[in-house]
C-alpha atoms as a PDB file:
ATOM      1  CA  MET A   1      14.584 162.874 -22.941  1.00  0.00           C
ATOM      2  CA  GLU A   2      17.852 160.953 -22.927  1.00  0.00           C
ATOM      3  CA  GLN A   3      19.410 158.859 -20.165  1.00  0.00           C
ATOM      4  CA  CYS A   4      22.909 159.302 -18.719  1.00  0.00           C
ATOM      5  CA  SER A   5      25.122 156.209 -19.037  1.00  0.00           C
ATOM      6  CA  PHE A   6      26.484 156.616 -15.485  1.00  0.00           C
ATOM      7  CA  CYS A   7      23.739 157.969 -13.207  1.00  0.00           C
ATOM      8  CA  LYS A   8      20.781 156.642 -15.290  1.00  0.00           C
ATOM      9  CA  ILE A   9      18.844 159.904 -14.803  1.00  0.00           C
ATOM     10  CA  GLU A  10      16.815 161.167 -17.739  1.00  0.00           C
ATOM     11  CA  LYS A  11      17.584 164.724 -18.854  1.00  0.00           C
ATOM     12  CA  LEU A  12      17.258 166.897 -21.929  1.00  0.00           C
ATOM     13  CA  GLU A  13      19.794 166.328 -24.695  1.00  0.00           C
ATOM     14  CA  ASN A  14      21.448 169.741 -24.168  1.00  0.00           C
ATOM     15  CA  ASP A  15      22.337 168.759 -20.563  1.00  0.00           C
ATOM     16  CA  PHE A  16      25.088 166.437 -21.837  1.00  0.00           C
ATOM     17  CA  TYR A  17      28.780 167.210 -22.434  1.00  0.00           C
ATOM     18  CA  MET A  18      29.877 164.284 -24.544  1.00  0.00           C
ATOM     19  CA  TYR A  19      28.305 161.336 -26.203  1.00  0.00           C
ATOM     20  CA  SER A  20      29.224 158.504 -28.478  1.00  0.00           C
ATOM     21  CA  ILE A  21      27.470 157.258 -31.572  1.00  0.00           C
ATOM     22  CA  HIS A  22      27.810 153.625 -32.593  1.00  0.00           C
ATOM     23  CA  ASN A  23      26.523 152.388 -35.941  1.00  0.00           C
ATOM     24  CA  MET A  24      24.958 148.997 -35.318  1.00  0.00           C
ATOM     25  CA  THR A  25      23.923 146.346 -37.791  1.00  0.00           C
ATOM     26  CA  ARG A  26      20.941 146.864 -40.090  1.00  0.00           C
ATOM     27  CA  GLY A  27      21.274 150.644 -39.993  1.00  0.00           C
ATOM     28  CA  ARG A  28      20.530 151.099 -36.292  1.00  0.00           C
ATOM     29  CA  VAL A  29      22.324 153.847 -34.379  1.00  0.00           C
ATOM     30  CA  GLN A  30      23.025 153.606 -30.655  1.00  0.00           C
ATOM     31  CA  LYS A  31      23.897 156.776 -28.729  1.00  0.00           C
ATOM     32  CA  GLY A  32      25.563 156.877 -25.322  1.00  0.00           C
ATOM     33  CA  TYR A  33      25.153 160.040 -23.260  1.00  0.00           C
ATOM     34  CA  VAL A  34      27.063 161.328 -20.219  1.00  0.00           C
ATOM     35  CA  CYS A  35      25.543 164.263 -18.316  1.00  0.00           C
ATOM     36  CA  LYS A  36      27.626 167.302 -17.377  1.00  0.00           C
ATOM     37  CA  ARG A  37      27.732 166.423 -13.677  1.00  0.00           C
ATOM     38  CA  CYS A  38      28.901 162.826 -14.265  1.00  0.00           C
ATOM     39  CA  SER A  39      31.416 163.971 -16.877  1.00  0.00           C
ATOM     40  CA  ASP A  40      32.955 166.463 -14.458  1.00  0.00           C
ATOM     41  CA  MET A  41      33.118 163.876 -11.656  1.00  0.00           C
ATOM     42  CA  THR A  42      34.470 161.059 -13.852  1.00  0.00           C
ATOM     43  CA  TYR A  43      36.815 162.789 -16.279  1.00  0.00           C
ATOM     44  CA  GLY A  44      37.574 165.965 -14.330  1.00  0.00           C
ATOM     45  CA  ASP A  45      37.530 168.186 -17.419  1.00  0.00           C
ATOM     46  CA  LYS A  46      35.130 171.013 -18.093  1.00  0.00           C
ATOM     47  CA  TRP A  47      34.859 171.909 -21.753  1.00  0.00           C
ATOM     48  CA  TYR A  48      34.372 175.432 -23.104  1.00  0.00           C
ATOM     49  CA  PRO A  49      33.732 176.386 -26.758  1.00  0.00           C
ATOM     50  CA  ILE A  50      36.427 178.217 -28.716  1.00  0.00           C
ATOM     51  CA  ILE A  51      34.562 180.938 -30.580  1.00  0.00           C
ATOM     52  CA  GLY A  52      35.721 182.611 -33.793  1.00  0.00           C
ATOM     53  CA  TYR A  53      37.351 179.716 -35.648  1.00  0.00           C
ATOM     54  CA  ASP A  54      36.113 177.625 -38.580  1.00  0.00           C
ATOM     55  CA  GLU A  55      36.002 174.306 -36.710  1.00  0.00           C
ATOM     56  CA  LYS A  56      33.744 173.541 -33.780  1.00  0.00           C
ATOM     57  CA  CYS A  57      36.500 173.322 -31.176  1.00  0.00           C
ATOM     58  CA  GLU A  58      36.451 173.150 -27.401  1.00  0.00           C
ATOM     59  CA  ILE A  59      39.179 173.622 -24.802  1.00  0.00           C
ATOM     60  CA  SER A  60      39.219 172.026 -21.356  1.00  0.00           C
ATOM     61  CA  ASN A  61      40.291 173.515 -18.067  1.00  0.00           C
ATOM     62  CA  HIS A  62      43.312 171.154 -18.217  1.00  0.00           C
ATOM     63  CA  GLY A  63      44.520 172.468 -21.607  1.00  0.00           C
ATOM     64  CA  SER A  64      43.231 169.746 -23.924  1.00  0.00           C
ATOM     65  CA  VAL A  65      41.705 170.842 -27.241  1.00  0.00           C
ATOM     66  CA  ARG A  66      39.166 168.782 -29.184  1.00  0.00           C
ATOM     67  CA  GLU A  67      37.246 169.227 -32.405  1.00  0.00           C
ATOM     68  CA  LEU A  68      33.733 168.077 -33.325  1.00  0.00           C
ATOM     69  CA  ARG A  69      33.627 166.313 -36.701  1.00  0.00           C
ATOM     70  CA  GLU A  70      30.820 164.049 -37.919  1.00  0.00           C
ATOM     71  CA  ASN A  71      29.160 163.963 -34.461  1.00  0.00           C
ATOM     72  CA  ARG A  72      32.371 162.707 -32.804  1.00  0.00           C
ATOM     73  CA  TYR A  73      35.086 164.448 -30.830  1.00  0.00           C
ATOM     74  CA  PHE A  74      38.698 164.221 -31.962  1.00  0.00           C
ATOM     75  CA  ASN A  75      41.679 165.519 -30.012  1.00  0.00           C
ATOM     76  CA  ILE A  76      43.709 168.169 -31.803  1.00  0.00           C
ATOM     77  CA  THR A  77      47.416 167.413 -31.789  1.00  0.00           C
ATOM     78  CA  ARG A  78      49.456 169.645 -29.526  1.00  0.00           C
ATOM     79  CA  VAL A  79      52.907 170.843 -30.552  1.00  0.00           C
ATOM     80  CA  GLN A  80      55.399 171.335 -27.713  1.00  0.00           C
ATOM     81  CA  ASN A  81      58.229 173.822 -28.179  1.00  0.00           C
ATOM     82  CA  ALA A  82      60.499 174.880 -25.287  1.00  0.00           C
ATOM     83  CA  GLY A  83      57.812 174.243 -22.678  1.00  0.00           C
ATOM     84  CA  THR A  84      55.038 176.064 -24.557  1.00  0.00           C
ATOM     85  CA  SER A  85      52.135 174.098 -26.070  1.00  0.00           C
ATOM     86  CA  TYR A  86      50.524 175.128 -29.338  1.00  0.00           C
ATOM     87  CA  VAL A  87      47.575 173.935 -31.437  1.00  0.00           C
ATOM     88  CA  TYR A  88      46.748 174.724 -35.044  1.00  0.00           C
ATOM     89  CA  LEU A  89      43.300 176.257 -35.596  1.00  0.00           C
ATOM     90  CA  THR A  90      41.746 177.420 -38.860  1.00  0.00           C
ATOM     91  CA  LYS A  91      40.249 180.881 -39.322  1.00  0.00           C
ATOM     92  CA  ASN A  92      38.966 182.131 -42.688  1.00  0.00           C
ATOM     93  CA  GLY A  93      40.697 179.211 -44.432  1.00  0.00           C
ATOM     94  CA  LYS A  94      44.129 179.972 -42.961  1.00  0.00           C
ATOM     95  CA  SER A  95      45.840 177.716 -40.430  1.00  0.00           C
ATOM     96  CA  MET A  96      47.042 179.617 -37.365  1.00  0.00           C
ATOM     97  CA  ARG A  97      49.292 178.450 -34.542  1.00  0.00           C
ATOM     98  CA  LYS A  98      47.754 179.375 -31.193  1.00  0.00           C
ATOM     99  CA  ASN A  99      49.322 179.179 -27.755  1.00  0.00           C
ATOM    100  CA  ILE A 100      47.197 177.097 -25.357  1.00  0.00           C
ATOM    101  CA  GLY A 101      47.818 179.349 -22.331  1.00  0.00           C
ATOM    102  CA  PRO A 102      46.101 182.467 -23.730  1.00  0.00           C
ATOM    103  CA  LEU A 103      43.314 180.304 -25.201  1.00  0.00           C
ATOM    104  CA  MET A 104      42.606 178.944 -21.718  1.00  0.00           C
ATOM    105  CA  LYS A 105      42.620 182.445 -20.199  1.00  0.00           C
ATOM    106  CA  ARG A 106      40.256 183.732 -22.870  1.00  0.00           C
ATOM    107  CA  PHE A 107      37.726 180.895 -23.099  1.00  0.00           C
ATOM    108  CA  CYS A 108      37.928 178.895 -19.822  1.00  0.00           C
ATOM    109  CA  THR A 109      35.766 181.058 -17.597  1.00  0.00           C
ATOM    110  CA  GLU A 110      33.163 179.962 -15.080  1.00  0.00           C
ATOM    111  CA  ARG A 111      29.707 181.075 -16.141  1.00  0.00           C
END
């Protein structure tokens, strides 16, 4: 059981959206968890997995794309061209330019 940093309620680890890992001195690791409810209230974004690509990527309901690397989330750079936003995702070793609008329609669904 882990504890949310905001509401201080203990929940299972899979009930959390995002977390941070801090390497402390002498090899200690400190993890900070934020539950799904507090994340939605505080940050306003709901994250949905992008399935079918090599990286572990997620897209938010606001159009942000992030990637999970080494237990940390990194934002994927968006390319803007004539009012259309694109991100580069990798599939089968090839880099592909994907439009954010259709990605949101495909993966951002309420479950």
